[in-house]
Amino acid sequence: MRFPAGTKLSNVTDAAGGTNVTFDAPDPATVLEFYRELATGSVHFTRDSDNVINGAGTLVWHTDDNNMVLTLDGEKVTLTSSPR
């Protein structure tokens, strides 16, 4: 899994059924831009939806192996990965 520079995580769970992390750093806007670029700038990632308005919502993409959901609520960002 790729992370933006300066990433600090909490609430990390990593199990066979998927991974879930909360970003303590960087700020939500930086995390969102990192994953927007990642989901559109690589042949290995396909962006499925981008429903983030005013810092709240979800960005959804997938790889051949995983479904990824970035959830923002304005101040908190979580990333969930689950096998396809």
C-alpha atoms as a PDB file:
ATOM      1  CA  MET A   1       0.000   0.000   0.000  1.00  0.00           C
ATOM      2  CA  ARG A   2       1.320   3.458  -0.854  1.00  0.00           C
ATOM      3  CA  PHE A   3       1.150   6.434   1.506  1.00  0.00           C
ATOM      4  CA  PRO A   4       1.871  10.165   1.128  1.00  0.00           C
ATOM      5  CA  ALA A   5       5.112  11.566   2.525  1.00  0.00           C
ATOM      6  CA  GLY A   6       4.982  12.275   6.247  1.00  0.00           C
ATOM      7  CA  THR A   7       2.218   9.783   6.917  1.00  0.00           C
ATOM      8  CA  LYS A   8       1.395   8.973  10.533  1.00  0.00           C
ATOM      9  CA  LEU A   9      -1.272   6.332  11.133  1.00  0.00           C
ATOM     10  CA  SER A  10      -3.437   5.151  14.002  1.00  0.00           C
ATOM     11  CA  ASN A  11      -6.206   2.590  14.436  1.00  0.00           C
ATOM     12  CA  VAL A  12      -4.377   0.194  12.140  1.00  0.00           C
ATOM     13  CA  THR A  13      -6.038  -3.162  11.545  1.00  0.00           C
ATOM     14  CA  ASP A  14      -4.578  -5.643   9.082  1.00  0.00           C
ATOM     15  CA  ALA A  15      -6.340  -8.945   8.603  1.00  0.00           C
ATOM     16  CA  ALA A  16      -7.032 -11.440   5.847  1.00  0.00           C
ATOM     17  CA  GLY A  17     -10.338  -9.694   5.199  1.00  0.00           C
ATOM     18  CA  GLY A  18      -8.742  -6.299   4.672  1.00  0.00           C
ATOM     19  CA  THR A  19      -6.886  -3.360   6.123  1.00  0.00           C
ATOM     20  CA  ASN A  20      -8.162  -0.213   7.817  1.00  0.00           C
ATOM     21  CA  VAL A  21      -6.068   2.819   8.858  1.00  0.00           C
ATOM     22  CA  THR A  22      -6.708   6.347  10.117  1.00  0.00           C
ATOM     23  CA  PHE A  23      -4.407   9.159   8.994  1.00  0.00           C
ATOM     24  CA  ASP A  24      -3.099  11.395  11.780  1.00  0.00           C
ATOM     25  CA  ALA A  25      -0.841  13.161   9.250  1.00  0.00           C
ATOM     26  CA  PRO A  26      -0.679  14.647   6.709  1.00  0.00           C
ATOM     27  CA  ASP A  27      -3.807  16.794   6.642  1.00  0.00           C
ATOM     28  CA  PRO A  28      -6.966  15.468   4.906  1.00  0.00           C
ATOM     29  CA  ALA A  29      -6.571  17.653   1.794  1.00  0.00           C
ATOM     30  CA  THR A  30      -3.030  16.349   1.207  1.00  0.00           C
ATOM     31  CA  VAL A  31      -4.120  12.732   1.677  1.00  0.00           C
ATOM     32  CA  LEU A  32      -7.030  13.223  -0.732  1.00  0.00           C
ATOM     33  CA  GLU A  33      -4.845  14.785  -3.439  1.00  0.00           C
ATOM     34  CA  PHE A  34      -2.245  12.022  -3.086  1.00  0.00           C
ATOM     35  CA  TYR A  35      -4.829   9.293  -3.649  1.00  0.00           C
ATOM     36  CA  ARG A  36      -6.641  11.210  -6.396  1.00  0.00           C
ATOM     37  CA  GLU A  37      -3.373  11.407  -8.325  1.00  0.00           C
ATOM     38  CA  LEU A  38      -2.534   7.787  -7.563  1.00  0.00           C
ATOM     39  CA  ALA A  39      -5.957   6.578  -8.694  1.00  0.00           C
ATOM     40  CA  THR A  40      -5.783   8.463 -11.995  1.00  0.00           C
ATOM     41  CA  GLY A  41      -2.071   8.508 -12.827  1.00  0.00           C
ATOM     42  CA  SER A  42      -1.258   4.803 -12.866  1.00  0.00           C
ATOM     43  CA  VAL A  43      -2.223   1.894 -15.051  1.00  0.00           C
ATOM     44  CA  HIS A  44      -2.404  -0.262 -11.905  1.00  0.00           C
ATOM     45  CA  PHE A  45      -5.244   1.742 -10.311  1.00  0.00           C
ATOM     46  CA  THR A  46      -8.772   2.425 -11.557  1.00  0.00           C
ATOM     47  CA  ARG A  47     -10.782   5.238  -9.981  1.00  0.00           C
ATOM     48  CA  ASP A  48     -14.386   4.130  -9.509  1.00  0.00           C
ATOM     49  CA  SER A  49     -15.893   7.219  -7.887  1.00  0.00           C
ATOM     50  CA  ASP A  50     -14.946  10.523  -6.314  1.00  0.00           C
ATOM     51  CA  ASN A  51     -17.725  11.890  -4.141  1.00  0.00           C
ATOM     52  CA  VAL A  52     -15.767  14.327  -1.972  1.00  0.00           C
ATOM     53  CA  ILE A  53     -17.387  17.742  -1.505  1.00  0.00           C
ATOM     54  CA  ASN A  54     -15.986  20.372   0.859  1.00  0.00           C
ATOM     55  CA  GLY A  55     -13.677  17.831   2.508  1.00  0.00           C
ATOM     56  CA  ALA A  56     -16.299  15.151   3.175  1.00  0.00           C
ATOM     57  CA  GLY A  57     -17.179  12.012   1.248  1.00  0.00           C
ATOM     58  CA  THR A  58     -15.461   9.059  -0.367  1.00  0.00           C
ATOM     59  CA  LEU A  59     -12.903   8.325  -3.054  1.00  0.00           C
ATOM     60  CA  VAL A  60     -13.146   4.745  -4.330  1.00  0.00           C
ATOM     61  CA  TRP A  61     -10.655   2.922  -6.559  1.00  0.00           C
ATOM     62  CA  HIS A  62      -9.419  -0.602  -7.178  1.00  0.00           C
ATOM     63  CA  THR A  63      -6.424  -2.616  -8.282  1.00  0.00           C
ATOM     64  CA  ASP A  64      -6.401  -6.121  -9.678  1.00  0.00           C
ATOM     65  CA  ASP A  65      -6.235  -7.428  -6.107  1.00  0.00           C
ATOM     66  CA  ASN A  66      -7.942  -4.862  -3.833  1.00  0.00           C
ATOM     67  CA  ASN A  67     -10.870  -2.505  -3.462  1.00  0.00           C
ATOM     68  CA  MET A  68      -9.862   0.771  -1.809  1.00  0.00           C
ATOM     69  CA  VAL A  69     -12.098   3.335  -0.074  1.00  0.00           C
ATOM     70  CA  LEU A  70     -10.799   6.635   1.276  1.00  0.00           C
ATOM     71  CA  THR A  71     -13.346   8.247   3.604  1.00  0.00           C
ATOM     72  CA  LEU A  72     -13.104  11.891   4.687  1.00  0.00           C
ATOM     73  CA  ASP A  73     -15.269  13.664   7.238  1.00  0.00           C
ATOM     74  CA  GLY A  74     -13.526  17.034   7.174  1.00  0.00           C
ATOM     75  CA  GLU A  75     -10.985  16.383   9.930  1.00  0.00           C
ATOM     76  CA  LYS A  76     -10.495  12.616   9.815  1.00  0.00           C
ATOM     77  CA  VAL A  77      -9.386  10.395   6.950  1.00  0.00           C
ATOM     78  CA  THR A  78      -9.608   6.605   6.899  1.00  0.00           C
ATOM     79  CA  LEU A  79      -8.478   4.174   4.222  1.00  0.00           C
ATOM     80  CA  THR A  80     -10.006   0.743   3.904  1.00  0.00           C
ATOM     81  CA  SER A  81      -8.693  -1.991   1.644  1.00  0.00           C
ATOM     82  CA  SER A  82     -10.472  -5.271   0.972  1.00  0.00           C
ATOM     83  CA  PRO A  83      -9.629  -8.161  -1.341  1.00  0.00           C
ATOM     84  CA  ARG A  84     -11.445  -8.255  -4.670  1.00  0.00           C
END
